Amino acid sequence: MTASLFFAPNMTMVALNIGFIVLTIGFILIDQFVVTPFLQFLTLFYGVFIGIFSVYDIWDDLITRTVEGSDAHACHKLIPCCLPRCVGVQFAVVALVFQGLGLYLALVWMTSGSA
């Protein structure tokens, strides 16, 4: 899979991917030899980072600008009582609720497993 990175036209993306691979391998080695729960916190950070980016993407694509081909417009055509921005706000609220629930459960399971 990483061999396909060398055929990518954007070298910045290749450098970022290789940097994340090296960083993750380094954190795995630190977890194995130095600090034990370090990899759990790294995995939690990656999950929260991806979740925050998804909420930002919902904000950018569905709430601040309304494009005719967006998911919010498709839901508005199916259920005409909600405006497209209202649908975008609903998507954002659901994403934030699931992000908070996932973060809470991850922290609870991490603290109960180390006791």
PDB file of N, CA and C in Angstrom:
ATOM      1  N   MET A   1       0.823  -1.190   0.000  1.00  0.00           N
ATOM      2  CA  MET A   1       0.000   0.000   0.000  1.00  0.00           C
ATOM      3  C   MET A   1       0.866   1.251   0.000  1.00  0.00           C
ATOM      4  N   THR A   2       1.953   1.239   0.741  1.00  0.00           N
ATOM      5  CA  THR A   2       2.803   2.422   0.757  1.00  0.00           C
ATOM      6  C   THR A   2       3.577   2.572  -0.538  1.00  0.00           C
ATOM      7  N   ALA A   3       3.714   1.490  -1.331  1.00  0.00           N
ATOM      8  CA  ALA A   3       4.404   1.603  -2.618  1.00  0.00           C
ATOM      9  C   ALA A   3       3.617   2.486  -3.580  1.00  0.00           C
ATOM     10  N   SER A   4       2.298   2.518  -3.436  1.00  0.00           N
ATOM     11  CA  SER A   4       1.491   3.364  -4.319  1.00  0.00           C
ATOM     12  C   SER A   4       1.700   4.844  -4.037  1.00  0.00           C
ATOM     13  N   LEU A   5       2.259   5.195  -2.879  1.00  0.00           N
ATOM     14  CA  LEU A   5       2.521   6.602  -2.581  1.00  0.00           C
ATOM     15  C   LEU A   5       3.554   7.202  -3.526  1.00  0.00           C
ATOM     16  N   PHE A   6       4.472   6.382  -4.026  1.00  0.00           N
ATOM     17  CA  PHE A   6       5.525   6.913  -4.883  1.00  0.00           C
ATOM     18  C   PHE A   6       5.025   7.253  -6.276  1.00  0.00           C
ATOM     19  N   PHE A   7       3.822   6.821  -6.625  1.00  0.00           N
ATOM     20  CA  PHE A   7       3.234   7.165  -7.904  1.00  0.00           C
ATOM     21  C   PHE A   7       2.253   8.323  -7.797  1.00  0.00           C
ATOM     22  N   ALA A   8       2.120   8.907  -6.620  1.00  0.00           N
ATOM     23  CA  ALA A   8       1.205  10.030  -6.410  1.00  0.00           C
ATOM     24  C   ALA A   8       1.818  11.301  -6.992  1.00  0.00           C
ATOM     25  N   PRO A   9       1.005  12.146  -7.619  1.00  0.00           N
ATOM     26  CA  PRO A   9       1.560  13.368  -8.204  1.00  0.00           C
ATOM     27  C   PRO A   9       1.869  14.440  -7.162  1.00  0.00           C
ATOM     28  N   ASN A  10       1.265  14.365  -6.002  1.00  0.00           N
ATOM     29  CA  ASN A  10       1.441  15.392  -4.983  1.00  0.00           C
ATOM     30  C   ASN A  10       2.482  14.909  -3.971  1.00  0.00           C
ATOM     31  N   MET A  11       3.669  15.454  -4.008  1.00  0.00           N
ATOM     32  CA  MET A  11       4.750  15.003  -3.123  1.00  0.00           C
ATOM     33  C   MET A  11       4.535  15.452  -1.681  1.00  0.00           C
ATOM     34  N   THR A  12       3.755  16.491  -1.468  1.00  0.00           N
ATOM     35  CA  THR A  12       3.456  16.904  -0.093  1.00  0.00           C
ATOM     36  C   THR A  12       2.647  15.823   0.618  1.00  0.00           C
ATOM     37  N   MET A  13       1.682  15.241  -0.074  1.00  0.00           N
ATOM     38  CA  MET A  13       0.883  14.178   0.518  1.00  0.00           C
ATOM     39  C   MET A  13       1.729  12.942   0.787  1.00  0.00           C
ATOM     40  N   VAL A  14       2.649  12.650  -0.101  1.00  0.00           N
ATOM     41  CA  VAL A  14       3.550  11.515   0.102  1.00  0.00           C
ATOM     42  C   VAL A  14       4.396  11.749   1.345  1.00  0.00           C
ATOM     43  N   ALA A  15       4.932  12.949   1.501  1.00  0.00           N
ATOM     44  CA  ALA A  15       5.756  13.263   2.671  1.00  0.00           C
ATOM     45  C   ALA A  15       4.936  13.194   3.959  1.00  0.00           C
ATOM     46  N   LEU A  16       3.711  13.684   3.932  1.00  0.00           N
ATOM     47  CA  LEU A  16       2.863  13.614   5.121  1.00  0.00           C
ATOM     48  C   LEU A  16       2.542  12.164   5.497  1.00  0.00           C
ATOM     49  N   ASN A  17       2.238  11.339   4.512  1.00  0.00           N
ATOM     50  CA  ASN A  17       1.929   9.936   4.799  1.00  0.00           C
ATOM     51  C   ASN A  17       3.135   9.196   5.347  1.00  0.00           C
ATOM     52  N   ILE A  18       4.290   9.398   4.741  1.00  0.00           N
ATOM     53  CA  ILE A  18       5.496   8.746   5.241  1.00  0.00           C
ATOM     54  C   ILE A  18       5.836   9.266   6.635  1.00  0.00           C
ATOM     55  N   GLY A  19       5.640  10.560   6.868  1.00  0.00           N
ATOM     56  CA  GLY A  19       5.879  11.111   8.196  1.00  0.00           C
ATOM     57  C   GLY A  19       4.961  10.503   9.248  1.00  0.00           C
ATOM     58  N   PHE A  20       3.678  10.314   8.918  1.00  0.00           N
ATOM     59  CA  PHE A  20       2.765   9.675   9.865  1.00  0.00           C
ATOM     60  C   PHE A  20       3.137   8.219  10.098  1.00  0.00           C
ATOM     61  N   ILE A  21       3.597   7.529   9.067  1.00  0.00           N
ATOM     62  CA  ILE A  21       4.018   6.136   9.239  1.00  0.00           C
ATOM     63  C   ILE A  21       5.216   6.059  10.172  1.00  0.00           C
ATOM     64  N   VAL A  22       6.210   6.906   9.952  1.00  0.00           N
ATOM     65  CA  VAL A  22       7.403   6.919  10.801  1.00  0.00           C
ATOM     66  C   VAL A  22       7.039   7.324  12.226  1.00  0.00           C
ATOM     67  N   LEU A  23       6.189   8.323  12.367  1.00  0.00           N
ATOM     68  CA  LEU A  23       5.771   8.773  13.692  1.00  0.00           C
ATOM     69  C   LEU A  23       5.022   7.679  14.448  1.00  0.00           C
ATOM     70  N   THR A  24       4.134   6.983  13.769  1.00  0.00           N
ATOM     71  CA  THR A  24       3.378   5.913  14.417  1.00  0.00           C
ATOM     72  C   THR A  24       4.282   4.753  14.798  1.00  0.00           C
ATOM     73  N   ILE A  25       5.213   4.385  13.934  1.00  0.00           N
ATOM     74  CA  ILE A  25       6.162   3.314  14.281  1.00  0.00           C
ATOM     75  C   ILE A  25       7.018   3.743  15.465  1.00  0.00           C
ATOM     76  N   GLY A  26       7.429   4.998  15.484  1.00  0.00           N
ATOM     77  CA  GLY A  26       8.181   5.496  16.637  1.00  0.00           C
ATOM     78  C   GLY A  26       7.375   5.442  17.924  1.00  0.00           C
ATOM     79  N   PHE A  27       6.103   5.796  17.852  1.00  0.00           N
ATOM     80  CA  PHE A  27       5.256   5.737  19.045  1.00  0.00           C
ATOM     81  C   PHE A  27       4.997   4.294  19.479  1.00  0.00           C
ATOM     82  N   ILE A  28       4.913   3.378  18.527  1.00  0.00           N
ATOM     83  CA  ILE A  28       4.764   1.963  18.883  1.00  0.00           C
ATOM     84  C   ILE A  28       6.000   1.481  19.624  1.00  0.00           C
ATOM     85  N   LEU A  29       7.189   1.878  19.162  1.00  0.00           N
ATOM     86  CA  LEU A  29       8.418   1.485  19.842  1.00  0.00           C
ATOM     87  C   LEU A  29       8.520   2.114  21.228  1.00  0.00           C
ATOM     88  N   ILE A  30       8.111   3.375  21.351  1.00  0.00           N
ATOM     89  CA  ILE A  30       8.093   4.014  22.676  1.00  0.00           C
ATOM     90  C   ILE A  30       7.134   3.281  23.602  1.00  0.00           C
ATOM     91  N   ASP A  31       5.990   2.861  23.083  1.00  0.00           N
ATOM     92  CA  ASP A  31       5.015   2.138  23.893  1.00  0.00           C
ATOM     93  C   ASP A  31       5.566   0.784  24.338  1.00  0.00           C
ATOM     94  N   GLN A  32       6.306   0.123  23.485  1.00  0.00           N
ATOM     95  CA  GLN A  32       6.833  -1.194  23.824  1.00  0.00           C
ATOM     96  C   GLN A  32       7.962  -1.128  24.851  1.00  0.00           C
ATOM     97  N   PHE A  33       8.827  -0.110  24.746  1.00  0.00           N
ATOM     98  CA  PHE A  33      10.051  -0.118  25.542  1.00  0.00           C
ATOM     99  C   PHE A  33      10.103   0.926  26.646  1.00  0.00           C
ATOM    100  N   VAL A  34       9.276   1.971  26.604  1.00  0.00           N
ATOM    101  CA  VAL A  34       9.416   3.047  27.586  1.00  0.00           C
ATOM    102  C   VAL A  34       8.154   3.212  28.426  1.00  0.00           C
ATOM    103  N   VAL A  35       7.060   3.656  27.827  1.00  0.00           N
ATOM    104  CA  VAL A  35       5.827   3.983  28.538  1.00  0.00           C
ATOM    105  C   VAL A  35       4.719   3.082  28.018  1.00  0.00           C
ATOM    106  N   THR A  36       3.991   2.411  28.917  1.00  0.00           N
ATOM    107  CA  THR A  36       3.014   1.418  28.475  1.00  0.00           C
ATOM    108  C   THR A  36       1.731   1.996  27.884  1.00  0.00           C
ATOM    109  N   PRO A  37       1.003   2.937  28.502  1.00  0.00           N
ATOM    110  CA  PRO A  37      -0.289   3.324  27.895  1.00  0.00           C
ATOM    111  C   PRO A  37      -0.169   4.376  26.800  1.00  0.00           C
ATOM    112  N   PHE A  38       1.017   4.590  26.280  1.00  0.00           N
ATOM    113  CA  PHE A  38       1.254   5.676  25.336  1.00  0.00           C
ATOM    114  C   PHE A  38       0.507   5.459  24.023  1.00  0.00           C
ATOM    115  N   LEU A  39       0.455   4.235  23.531  1.00  0.00           N
ATOM    116  CA  LEU A  39      -0.199   3.937  22.264  1.00  0.00           C
ATOM    117  C   LEU A  39      -1.713   4.112  22.350  1.00  0.00           C
ATOM    118  N   GLN A  40      -2.288   3.871  23.515  1.00  0.00           N
ATOM    119  CA  GLN A  40      -3.726   4.089  23.686  1.00  0.00           C
ATOM    120  C   GLN A  40      -4.064   5.570  23.530  1.00  0.00           C
ATOM    121  N   PHE A  41      -3.243   6.424  24.106  1.00  0.00           N
ATOM    122  CA  PHE A  41      -3.492   7.858  23.975  1.00  0.00           C
ATOM    123  C   PHE A  41      -3.260   8.345  22.550  1.00  0.00           C
ATOM    124  N   LEU A  42      -2.289   7.759  21.857  1.00  0.00           N
ATOM    125  CA  LEU A  42      -2.068   8.120  20.462  1.00  0.00           C
ATOM    126  C   LEU A  42      -3.261   7.715  19.603  1.00  0.00           C
ATOM    127  N   THR A  43      -3.784   6.514  19.823  1.00  0.00           N
ATOM    128  CA  THR A  43      -4.957   6.069  19.084  1.00  0.00           C
ATOM    129  C   THR A  43      -6.158   6.953  19.384  1.00  0.00           C
ATOM    130  N   LEU A  44      -6.331   7.344  20.629  1.00  0.00           N
ATOM    131  CA  LEU A  44      -7.408   8.258  20.994  1.00  0.00           C
ATOM    132  C   LEU A  44      -7.234   9.611  20.310  1.00  0.00           C
ATOM    133  N   PHE A  45      -5.993  10.092  20.240  1.00  0.00           N
ATOM    134  CA  PHE A  45      -5.726  11.356  19.554  1.00  0.00           C
ATOM    135  C   PHE A  45      -6.072  11.262  18.076  1.00  0.00           C
ATOM    136  N   TYR A  46      -5.675  10.172  17.417  1.00  0.00           N
ATOM    137  CA  TYR A  46      -6.007  10.007  15.995  1.00  0.00           C
ATOM    138  C   TYR A  46      -7.519   9.988  15.794  1.00  0.00           C
ATOM    139  N   GLY A  47      -8.238   9.289  16.644  1.00  0.00           N
ATOM    140  CA  GLY A  47      -9.694   9.224  16.519  1.00  0.00           C
ATOM    141  C   GLY A  47     -10.356  10.573  16.715  1.00  0.00           C
ATOM    142  N   VAL A  48      -9.917  11.314  17.719  1.00  0.00           N
ATOM    143  CA  VAL A  48     -10.484  12.641  17.982  1.00  0.00           C
ATOM    144  C   VAL A  48     -10.134  13.601  16.844  1.00  0.00           C
ATOM    145  N   PHE A  49      -8.929  13.496  16.324  1.00  0.00           N
ATOM    146  CA  PHE A  49      -8.510  14.356  15.220  1.00  0.00           C
ATOM    147  C   PHE A  49      -9.373  14.115  13.986  1.00  0.00           C
ATOM    148  N   ILE A  50      -9.623  12.867  13.659  1.00  0.00           N
ATOM    149  CA  ILE A  50     -10.460  12.539  12.507  1.00  0.00           C
ATOM    150  C   ILE A  50     -11.896  13.007  12.740  1.00  0.00           C
ATOM    151  N   GLY A  51     -12.402  12.841  13.977  1.00  0.00           N
ATOM    152  CA  GLY A  51     -13.758  13.289  14.291  1.00  0.00           C
ATOM    153  C   GLY A  51     -13.911  14.792  14.204  1.00  0.00           C
ATOM    154  N   ILE A  52     -12.927  15.523  14.689  1.00  0.00           N
ATOM    155  CA  ILE A  52     -12.983  16.983  14.625  1.00  0.00           C
ATOM    156  C   ILE A  52     -12.927  17.448  13.171  1.00  0.00           C
ATOM    157  N   PHE A  53     -12.106  16.785  12.359  1.00  0.00           N
ATOM    158  CA  PHE A  53     -12.062  17.154  10.951  1.00  0.00           C
ATOM    159  C   PHE A  53     -13.385  16.860  10.257  1.00  0.00           C
ATOM    160  N   SER A  54     -14.056  15.783  10.645  1.00  0.00           N
ATOM    161  CA  SER A  54     -15.349  15.489  10.024  1.00  0.00           C
ATOM    162  C   SER A  54     -16.393  16.532  10.400  1.00  0.00           C
ATOM    163  N   VAL A  55     -16.378  17.002  11.646  1.00  0.00           N
ATOM    164  CA  VAL A  55     -17.306  18.063  12.049  1.00  0.00           C
ATOM    165  C   VAL A  55     -16.986  19.355  11.297  1.00  0.00           C
ATOM    166  N   TYR A  56     -15.707  19.657  11.119  1.00  0.00           N
ATOM    167  CA  TYR A  56     -15.331  20.837  10.336  1.00  0.00           C
ATOM    168  C   TYR A  56     -15.796  20.698   8.894  1.00  0.00           C
ATOM    169  N   ASP A  57     -15.674  19.503   8.330  1.00  0.00           N
ATOM    170  CA  ASP A  57     -16.102  19.274   6.956  1.00  0.00           C
ATOM    171  C   ASP A  57     -17.618  19.443   6.829  1.00  0.00           C
ATOM    172  N   ILE A  58     -18.370  18.977   7.819  1.00  0.00           N
ATOM    173  CA  ILE A  58     -19.821  19.191   7.817  1.00  0.00           C
ATOM    174  C   ILE A  58     -20.122  20.684   7.886  1.00  0.00           C
ATOM    175  N   TRP A  59     -19.418  21.391   8.740  1.00  0.00           N
ATOM    176  CA  TRP A  59     -19.621  22.836   8.864  1.00  0.00           C
ATOM    177  C   TRP A  59     -19.320  23.541   7.548  1.00  0.00           C
ATOM    178  N   ASP A  60     -18.218  23.167   6.930  1.00  0.00           N
ATOM    179  CA  ASP A  60     -17.789  23.848   5.715  1.00  0.00           C
ATOM    180  C   ASP A  60     -18.692  23.515   4.522  1.00  0.00           C
ATOM    181  N   ASP A  61     -19.079  22.256   4.376  1.00  0.00           N
ATOM    182  CA  ASP A  61     -19.826  21.841   3.190  1.00  0.00           C
ATOM    183  C   ASP A  61     -21.335  22.010   3.313  1.00  0.00           C
ATOM    184  N   LEU A  62     -21.886  21.845   4.501  1.00  0.00           N
ATOM    185  CA  LEU A  62     -23.344  21.794   4.629  1.00  0.00           C
ATOM    186  C   LEU A  62     -23.962  22.995   5.325  1.00  0.00           C
ATOM    187  N   ILE A  63     -23.207  23.716   6.126  1.00  0.00           N
ATOM    188  CA  ILE A  63     -23.806  24.818   6.887  1.00  0.00           C
ATOM    189  C   ILE A  63     -23.416  26.165   6.304  1.00  0.00           C
ATOM    190  N   THR A  64     -22.127  26.409   6.082  1.00  0.00           N
ATOM    191  CA  THR A  64     -21.708  27.746   5.648  1.00  0.00           C
ATOM    192  C   THR A  64     -21.988  28.015   4.186  1.00  0.00           C
ATOM    193  N   ARG A  65     -21.915  26.995   3.341  1.00  0.00           N
ATOM    194  CA  ARG A  65     -22.250  27.200   1.937  1.00  0.00           C
ATOM    195  C   ARG A  65     -23.256  26.147   1.508  1.00  0.00           C
ATOM    196  N   THR A  66     -24.148  26.559   0.668  1.00  0.00           N
ATOM    197  CA  THR A  66     -25.176  25.629   0.203  1.00  0.00           C
ATOM    198  C   THR A  66     -24.966  25.384  -1.281  1.00  0.00           C
ATOM    199  N   VAL A  67     -24.543  24.198  -1.603  1.00  0.00           N
ATOM    200  CA  VAL A  67     -24.318  23.781  -2.982  1.00  0.00           C
ATOM    201  C   VAL A  67     -25.478  22.894  -3.390  1.00  0.00           C
ATOM    202  N   GLU A  68     -25.918  23.021  -4.605  1.00  0.00           N
ATOM    203  CA  GLU A  68     -27.106  22.295  -5.053  1.00  0.00           C
ATOM    204  C   GLU A  68     -26.938  20.782  -4.984  1.00  0.00           C
ATOM    205  N   GLY A  69     -25.756  20.255  -5.166  1.00  0.00           N
ATOM    206  CA  GLY A  69     -25.558  18.811  -5.177  1.00  0.00           C
ATOM    207  C   GLY A  69     -25.134  18.229  -3.844  1.00  0.00           C
ATOM    208  N   SER A  70     -25.234  18.973  -2.751  1.00  0.00           N
ATOM    209  CA  SER A  70     -24.760  18.475  -1.469  1.00  0.00           C
ATOM    210  C   SER A  70     -25.755  17.495  -0.846  1.00  0.00           C
ATOM    211  N   ASP A  71     -25.293  16.824   0.205  1.00  0.00           N
ATOM    212  CA  ASP A  71     -26.162  15.887   0.926  1.00  0.00           C
ATOM    213  C   ASP A  71     -27.335  16.608   1.584  1.00  0.00           C
ATOM    214  N   ALA A  72     -27.094  17.823   2.045  1.00  0.00           N
ATOM    215  CA  ALA A  72     -28.169  18.571   2.696  1.00  0.00           C
ATOM    216  C   ALA A  72     -29.291  18.888   1.706  1.00  0.00           C
ATOM    217  N   HIS A  73     -28.942  19.214   0.478  1.00  0.00           N
ATOM    218  CA  HIS A  73     -29.973  19.474  -0.535  1.00  0.00           C
ATOM    219  C   HIS A  73     -30.716  18.194  -0.901  1.00  0.00           C
ATOM    220  N   ALA A  74     -30.008  17.062  -0.929  1.00  0.00           N
ATOM    221  CA  ALA A  74     -30.673  15.789  -1.223  1.00  0.00           C
ATOM    222  C   ALA A  74     -31.673  15.433  -0.123  1.00  0.00           C
ATOM    223  N   CYS A  75     -31.297  15.658   1.137  1.00  0.00           N
ATOM    224  CA  CYS A  75     -32.239  15.409   2.243  1.00  0.00           C
ATOM    225  C   CYS A  75     -33.394  16.412   2.209  1.00  0.00           C
ATOM    226  N   HIS A  76     -33.115  17.643   1.797  1.00  0.00           N
ATOM    227  CA  HIS A  76     -34.172  18.652   1.692  1.00  0.00           C
ATOM    228  C   HIS A  76     -35.184  18.268   0.613  1.00  0.00           C
ATOM    229  N   LYS A  77     -34.707  17.652  -0.463  1.00  0.00           N
ATOM    230  CA  LYS A  77     -35.633  17.215  -1.512  1.00  0.00           C
ATOM    231  C   LYS A  77     -36.492  16.044  -1.040  1.00  0.00           C
ATOM    232  N   LEU A  78     -35.921  15.177  -0.191  1.00  0.00           N
ATOM    233  CA  LEU A  78     -36.703  14.053   0.339  1.00  0.00           C
ATOM    234  C   LEU A  78     -37.698  14.508   1.403  1.00  0.00           C
ATOM    235  N   ILE A  79     -37.240  15.390   2.289  1.00  0.00           N
ATOM    236  CA  ILE A  79     -38.080  15.897   3.383  1.00  0.00           C
ATOM    237  C   ILE A  79     -38.094  17.415   3.258  1.00  0.00           C
ATOM    238  N   PRO A  80     -39.065  18.004   2.570  1.00  0.00           N
ATOM    239  CA  PRO A  80     -39.018  19.438   2.282  1.00  0.00           C
ATOM    240  C   PRO A  80     -39.286  20.352   3.480  1.00  0.00           C
ATOM    241  N   CYS A  81     -39.628  19.802   4.627  1.00  0.00           N
ATOM    242  CA  CYS A  81     -39.920  20.689   5.759  1.00  0.00           C
ATOM    243  C   CYS A  81     -38.654  21.279   6.363  1.00  0.00           C
ATOM    244  N   CYS A  82     -37.503  20.629   6.180  1.00  0.00           N
ATOM    245  CA  CYS A  82     -36.240  21.133   6.728  1.00  0.00           C
ATOM    246  C   CYS A  82     -35.422  21.804   5.630  1.00  0.00           C
ATOM    247  N   LEU A  83     -34.964  23.009   5.906  1.00  0.00           N
ATOM    248  CA  LEU A  83     -34.090  23.707   4.959  1.00  0.00           C
ATOM    249  C   LEU A  83     -32.722  23.024   4.929  1.00  0.00           C
ATOM    250  N   PRO A  84     -31.950  23.194   3.857  1.00  0.00           N
ATOM    251  CA  PRO A  84     -30.654  22.512   3.762  1.00  0.00           C
ATOM    252  C   PRO A  84     -29.694  22.851   4.897  1.00  0.00           C
ATOM    253  N   ARG A  85     -29.685  24.098   5.326  1.00  0.00           N
ATOM    254  CA  ARG A  85     -28.794  24.439   6.444  1.00  0.00           C
ATOM    255  C   ARG A  85     -29.257  23.795   7.743  1.00  0.00           C
ATOM    256  N   CYS A  86     -30.555  23.658   7.909  1.00  0.00           N
ATOM    257  CA  CYS A  86     -31.085  22.970   9.088  1.00  0.00           C
ATOM    258  C   CYS A  86     -30.653  21.506   9.084  1.00  0.00           C
ATOM    259  N   VAL A  87     -30.662  20.887   7.905  1.00  0.00           N
ATOM    260  CA  VAL A  87     -30.191  19.508   7.785  1.00  0.00           C
ATOM    261  C   VAL A  87     -28.705  19.440   8.116  1.00  0.00           C
ATOM    262  N   GLY A  88     -27.926  20.416   7.663  1.00  0.00           N
ATOM    263  CA  GLY A  88     -26.496  20.463   7.992  1.00  0.00           C
ATOM    264  C   GLY A  88     -26.257  20.603   9.482  1.00  0.00           C
ATOM    265  N   VAL A  89     -27.061  21.423  10.148  1.00  0.00           N
ATOM    266  CA  VAL A  89     -26.939  21.569  11.606  1.00  0.00           C
ATOM    267  C   VAL A  89     -27.292  20.253  12.297  1.00  0.00           C
ATOM    268  N   GLN A  90     -28.306  19.565  11.800  1.00  0.00           N
ATOM    269  CA  GLN A  90     -28.658  18.263  12.375  1.00  0.00           C
ATOM    270  C   GLN A  90     -27.519  17.264  12.201  1.00  0.00           C
ATOM    271  N   PHE A  91     -26.899  17.234  11.011  1.00  0.00           N
ATOM    272  CA  PHE A  91     -25.750  16.358  10.798  1.00  0.00           C
ATOM    273  C   PHE A  91     -24.624  16.698  11.770  1.00  0.00           C
ATOM    274  N   ALA A  92     -24.365  18.000  11.974  1.00  0.00           N
ATOM    275  CA  ALA A  92     -23.286  18.421  12.868  1.00  0.00           C
ATOM    276  C   ALA A  92     -23.578  18.038  14.313  1.00  0.00           C
ATOM    277  N   VAL A  93     -24.830  18.192  14.737  1.00  0.00           N
ATOM    278  CA  VAL A  93     -25.190  17.826  16.114  1.00  0.00           C
ATOM    279  C   VAL A  93     -25.023  16.325  16.329  1.00  0.00           C
ATOM    280  N   VAL A  94     -25.459  15.527  15.366  1.00  0.00           N
ATOM    281  CA  VAL A  94     -25.302  14.071  15.489  1.00  0.00           C
ATOM    282  C   VAL A  94     -23.820  13.704  15.519  1.00  0.00           C
ATOM    283  N   ALA A  95     -23.006  14.333  14.668  1.00  0.00           N
ATOM    284  CA  ALA A  95     -21.570  14.046  14.652  1.00  0.00           C
ATOM    285  C   ALA A  95     -20.918  14.429  15.975  1.00  0.00           C
ATOM    286  N   LEU A  96     -21.294  15.580  16.536  1.00  0.00           N
ATOM    287  CA  LEU A  96     -20.728  15.999  17.822  1.00  0.00           C
ATOM    288  C   LEU A  96     -21.159  15.078  18.960  1.00  0.00           C
ATOM    289  N   VAL A  97     -22.411  14.622  18.939  1.00  0.00           N
ATOM    290  CA  VAL A  97     -22.883  13.704  19.980  1.00  0.00           C
ATOM    291  C   VAL A  97     -22.109  12.396  19.917  1.00  0.00           C
ATOM    292  N   PHE A  98     -21.948  11.844  18.727  1.00  0.00           N
ATOM    293  CA  PHE A  98     -21.199  10.601  18.607  1.00  0.00           C
ATOM    294  C   PHE A  98     -19.725  10.792  18.933  1.00  0.00           C
ATOM    295  N   GLN A  99     -19.162  11.945  18.596  1.00  0.00           N
ATOM    296  CA  GLN A  99     -17.771  12.223  18.950  1.00  0.00           C
ATOM    297  C   GLN A  99     -17.604  12.293  20.465  1.00  0.00           C
ATOM    298  N   GLY A 100     -18.502  12.989  21.130  1.00  0.00           N
ATOM    299  CA  GLY A 100     -18.439  13.067  22.591  1.00  0.00           C
ATOM    300  C   GLY A 100     -18.660  11.720  23.259  1.00  0.00           C
ATOM    301  N   LEU A 101     -19.611  10.948  22.753  1.00  0.00           N
ATOM    302  CA  LEU A 101     -19.865   9.625  23.305  1.00  0.00           C
ATOM    303  C   LEU A 101     -18.670   8.699  23.106  1.00  0.00           C
ATOM    304  N   GLY A 102     -18.066   8.745  21.935  1.00  0.00           N
ATOM    305  CA  GLY A 102     -16.888   7.922  21.680  1.00  0.00           C
ATOM    306  C   GLY A 102     -15.715   8.315  22.552  1.00  0.00           C
ATOM    307  N   LEU A 103     -15.499   9.606  22.741  1.00  0.00           N
ATOM    308  CA  LEU A 103     -14.421  10.077  23.603  1.00  0.00           C
ATOM    309  C   LEU A 103     -14.656   9.667  25.047  1.00  0.00           C
ATOM    310  N   TYR A 104     -15.894   9.815  25.509  1.00  0.00           N
ATOM    311  CA  TYR A 104     -16.230   9.416  26.886  1.00  0.00           C
ATOM    312  C   TYR A 104     -16.012   7.918  27.103  1.00  0.00           C
ATOM    313  N   LEU A 105     -16.524   7.106  26.187  1.00  0.00           N
ATOM    314  CA  LEU A 105     -16.371   5.655  26.332  1.00  0.00           C
ATOM    315  C   LEU A 105     -14.906   5.233  26.246  1.00  0.00           C
ATOM    316  N   ALA A 106     -14.136   5.867  25.369  1.00  0.00           N
ATOM    317  CA  ALA A 106     -12.716   5.536  25.267  1.00  0.00           C
ATOM    318  C   ALA A 106     -11.989   5.859  26.567  1.00  0.00           C
ATOM    319  N   LEU A 107     -12.282   7.011  27.146  1.00  0.00           N
ATOM    320  CA  LEU A 107     -11.620   7.371  28.409  1.00  0.00           C
ATOM    321  C   LEU A 107     -12.060   6.468  29.559  1.00  0.00           C
ATOM    322  N   VAL A 108     -13.321   6.093  29.588  1.00  0.00           N
ATOM    323  CA  VAL A 108     -13.808   5.188  30.650  1.00  0.00           C
ATOM    324  C   VAL A 108     -13.142   3.822  30.519  1.00  0.00           C
ATOM    325  N   TRP A 109     -13.098   3.300  29.288  1.00  0.00           N
ATOM    326  CA  TRP A 109     -12.481   1.977  29.111  1.00  0.00           C
ATOM    327  C   TRP A 109     -10.997   2.013  29.360  1.00  0.00           C
ATOM    328  N   MET A 110     -10.336   3.141  29.048  1.00  0.00           N
ATOM    329  CA  MET A 110      -8.898   3.231  29.294  1.00  0.00           C
ATOM    330  C   MET A 110      -8.602   3.293  30.787  1.00  0.00           C
ATOM    331  N   THR A 111      -9.430   3.996  31.541  1.00  0.00           N
ATOM    332  CA  THR A 111      -9.161   4.095  32.983  1.00  0.00           C
ATOM    333  C   THR A 111      -9.558   2.816  33.715  1.00  0.00           C
ATOM    334  N   SER A 112     -10.616   2.129  33.256  1.00  0.00           N
ATOM    335  CA  SER A 112     -11.014   0.892  33.948  1.00  0.00           C
ATOM    336  C   SER A 112     -10.069  -0.247  33.622  1.00  0.00           C
ATOM    337  N   GLY A 113      -9.413  -0.229  32.478  1.00  0.00           N
ATOM    338  CA  GLY A 113      -8.485  -1.293  32.112  1.00  0.00           C
ATOM    339  C   GLY A 113      -7.151  -1.193  32.825  1.00  0.00           C
ATOM    340  N   SER A 114      -6.762  -0.005  33.254  1.00  0.00           N
ATOM    341  CA  SER A 114      -5.453   0.166  33.898  1.00  0.00           C
ATOM    342  C   SER A 114      -5.515  -0.002  35.403  1.00  0.00           C
ATOM    343  N   ALA A 115      -6.709  -0.144  35.980  1.00  0.00           N
ATOM    344  CA  ALA A 115      -6.833  -0.245  37.433  1.00  0.00           C
ATOM    345  C   ALA A 115      -6.524  -1.627  37.937  1.00  0.00           C
TER     346      ALA A 115
END
